[in-house]
């Protein structure tokens, strides 16, 4: 699929910006309930990270998961465009 750079940039920002905002909201909701100092590795020893490190890593994980869901939604929401690009490819 040959997508011009400006269109690709717009699609990426259309997915990443809302994902960024929702990751922030999700992080606030999670850490209202969870104390980062009480986290353990799958029930084992304590995490021993600073609160800021826990907040940062958690935010990045939330952002990646939400952006992936948004990208899959965008991909599945445009089947005509995907099929047209596949039909243009030489076989």
C-alpha atoms as a PDB file:
ATOM      1  CA  UNK A   1       0.000   0.000   0.000  1.00  0.00           C
ATOM      2  CA  UNK A   2       1.526   3.291  -1.096  1.00  0.00           C
ATOM      3  CA  UNK A   3       0.423   6.038   1.305  1.00  0.00           C
ATOM      4  CA  UNK A   4       1.836   9.574   0.908  1.00  0.00           C
ATOM      5  CA  UNK A   5       3.860  10.859   3.865  1.00  0.00           C
ATOM      6  CA  UNK A   6       1.384  13.604   4.824  1.00  0.00           C
ATOM      7  CA  UNK A   7      -1.519  11.134   4.940  1.00  0.00           C
ATOM      8  CA  UNK A   8       0.508   8.651   6.962  1.00  0.00           C
ATOM      9  CA  UNK A   9       1.517  11.378   9.419  1.00  0.00           C
ATOM     10  CA  UNK A  10      -2.099  12.501   9.806  1.00  0.00           C
ATOM     11  CA  UNK A  11      -3.284   8.916  10.394  1.00  0.00           C
ATOM     12  CA  UNK A  12      -0.557   8.308  12.959  1.00  0.00           C
ATOM     13  CA  UNK A  13      -1.426  11.483  14.847  1.00  0.00           C
ATOM     14  CA  UNK A  14      -5.135  10.672  14.613  1.00  0.00           C
ATOM     15  CA  UNK A  15      -4.385   7.431  16.454  1.00  0.00           C
ATOM     16  CA  UNK A  16      -1.600   8.520  18.820  1.00  0.00           C
ATOM     17  CA  UNK A  17      -3.069  11.757  20.200  1.00  0.00           C
ATOM     18  CA  UNK A  18      -6.356  10.304  21.533  1.00  0.00           C
ATOM     19  CA  UNK A  19      -4.398   7.299  22.819  1.00  0.00           C
ATOM     20  CA  UNK A  20      -2.073   9.672  24.681  1.00  0.00           C
ATOM     21  CA  UNK A  21      -4.996  11.468  26.301  1.00  0.00           C
ATOM     22  CA  UNK A  22      -6.763   8.256  27.297  1.00  0.00           C
ATOM     23  CA  UNK A  23      -3.542   6.748  28.685  1.00  0.00           C
ATOM     24  CA  UNK A  24      -3.296   9.776  30.966  1.00  0.00           C
ATOM     25  CA  UNK A  25      -6.896   9.346  32.107  1.00  0.00           C
ATOM     26  CA  UNK A  26      -6.427   5.600  32.653  1.00  0.00           C
ATOM     27  CA  UNK A  27      -3.244   6.181  34.627  1.00  0.00           C
ATOM     28  CA  UNK A  28      -5.004   8.652  36.904  1.00  0.00           C
ATOM     29  CA  UNK A  29      -7.846   6.204  37.484  1.00  0.00           C
ATOM     30  CA  UNK A  30      -5.503   3.294  38.215  1.00  0.00           C
ATOM     31  CA  UNK A  31      -3.233   5.181  40.603  1.00  0.00           C
ATOM     32  CA  UNK A  32      -6.130   6.609  42.562  1.00  0.00           C
ATOM     33  CA  UNK A  33      -6.664   3.008  43.714  1.00  0.00           C
ATOM     34  CA  UNK A  34      -3.153   1.459  43.480  1.00  0.00           C
ATOM     35  CA  UNK A  35      -0.141   2.620  45.481  1.00  0.00           C
ATOM     36  CA  UNK A  36       3.017   2.275  43.331  1.00  0.00           C
ATOM     37  CA  UNK A  37       5.035   1.429  46.450  1.00  0.00           C
ATOM     38  CA  UNK A  38       2.928  -1.698  47.045  1.00  0.00           C
ATOM     39  CA  UNK A  39       3.566  -3.297  43.647  1.00  0.00           C
ATOM     40  CA  UNK A  40       5.236  -6.725  43.490  1.00  0.00           C
ATOM     41  CA  UNK A  41       6.557  -8.869  40.645  1.00  0.00           C
ATOM     42  CA  UNK A  42       3.681 -11.329  40.110  1.00  0.00           C
ATOM     43  CA  UNK A  43       3.234 -11.865  43.837  1.00  0.00           C
ATOM     44  CA  UNK A  44       6.966 -12.181  44.513  1.00  0.00           C
ATOM     45  CA  UNK A  45       9.423  -9.576  45.727  1.00  0.00           C
ATOM     46  CA  UNK A  46       8.730  -5.844  45.767  1.00  0.00           C
ATOM     47  CA  UNK A  47       9.226  -3.862  42.557  1.00  0.00           C
ATOM     48  CA  UNK A  48      11.723  -1.441  44.210  1.00  0.00           C
ATOM     49  CA  UNK A  49      11.252   1.285  41.581  1.00  0.00           C
ATOM     50  CA  UNK A  50      10.698   4.942  42.320  1.00  0.00           C
ATOM     51  CA  UNK A  51       7.112   6.172  42.055  1.00  0.00           C
ATOM     52  CA  UNK A  52       8.040   8.270  39.022  1.00  0.00           C
ATOM     53  CA  UNK A  53       9.504   5.223  37.240  1.00  0.00           C
ATOM     54  CA  UNK A  54       6.335   3.226  37.906  1.00  0.00           C
ATOM     55  CA  UNK A  55       4.156   6.082  36.637  1.00  0.00           C
ATOM     56  CA  UNK A  56       6.278   6.499  33.501  1.00  0.00           C
ATOM     57  CA  UNK A  57       6.458   2.816  32.544  1.00  0.00           C
ATOM     58  CA  UNK A  58       2.773   2.315  33.267  1.00  0.00           C
ATOM     59  CA  UNK A  59       1.832   5.337  31.156  1.00  0.00           C
ATOM     60  CA  UNK A  60       3.911   4.067  28.223  1.00  0.00           C
ATOM     61  CA  UNK A  61       2.332   0.603  28.473  1.00  0.00           C
ATOM     62  CA  UNK A  62      -1.178   2.093  28.590  1.00  0.00           C
ATOM     63  CA  UNK A  63      -0.361   4.362  25.636  1.00  0.00           C
ATOM     64  CA  UNK A  64       0.999   1.479  23.556  1.00  0.00           C
ATOM     65  CA  UNK A  65      -1.996  -0.759  24.241  1.00  0.00           C
ATOM     66  CA  UNK A  66      -4.559   1.964  23.499  1.00  0.00           C
ATOM     67  CA  UNK A  67      -2.677   3.073  20.355  1.00  0.00           C
ATOM     68  CA  UNK A  68      -2.560  -0.531  19.137  1.00  0.00           C
ATOM     69  CA  UNK A  69      -6.309  -0.855  19.621  1.00  0.00           C
ATOM     70  CA  UNK A  70      -6.833   2.424  17.754  1.00  0.00           C
ATOM     71  CA  UNK A  71      -4.558   1.354  14.904  1.00  0.00           C
ATOM     72  CA  UNK A  72      -6.371  -1.969  14.537  1.00  0.00           C
ATOM     73  CA  UNK A  73      -9.711  -0.143  14.527  1.00  0.00           C
ATOM     74  CA  UNK A  74      -8.466   2.247  11.840  1.00  0.00           C
ATOM     75  CA  UNK A  75      -7.113  -0.651   9.779  1.00  0.00           C
ATOM     76  CA  UNK A  76     -10.315  -2.657  10.000  1.00  0.00           C
ATOM     77  CA  UNK A  77     -12.473   0.402   9.391  1.00  0.00           C
ATOM     78  CA  UNK A  78     -11.139   0.981   5.851  1.00  0.00           C
ATOM     79  CA  UNK A  79     -11.526  -2.330   3.995  1.00  0.00           C
ATOM     80  CA  UNK A  80     -12.235  -0.688   0.623  1.00  0.00           C
ATOM     81  CA  UNK A  81      -8.939   1.182   0.693  1.00  0.00           C
ATOM     82  CA  UNK A  82      -7.000  -1.920   1.733  1.00  0.00           C
ATOM     83  CA  UNK A  83      -8.660  -4.046  -0.955  1.00  0.00           C
ATOM     84  CA  UNK A  84      -8.007  -1.396  -3.620  1.00  0.00           C
ATOM     85  CA  UNK A  85      -4.306  -1.273  -2.692  1.00  0.00           C
ATOM     86  CA  UNK A  86      -4.094  -5.068  -2.785  1.00  0.00           C
ATOM     87  CA  UNK A  87      -5.728  -5.140  -6.226  1.00  0.00           C
ATOM     88  CA  UNK A  88      -3.161  -2.659  -7.571  1.00  0.00           C
ATOM     89  CA  UNK A  89      -0.203  -4.873  -6.599  1.00  0.00           C
ATOM     90  CA  UNK A  90       1.248  -6.952  -9.422  1.00  0.00           C
ATOM     91  CA  UNK A  91       0.903 -10.681  -8.878  1.00  0.00           C
END
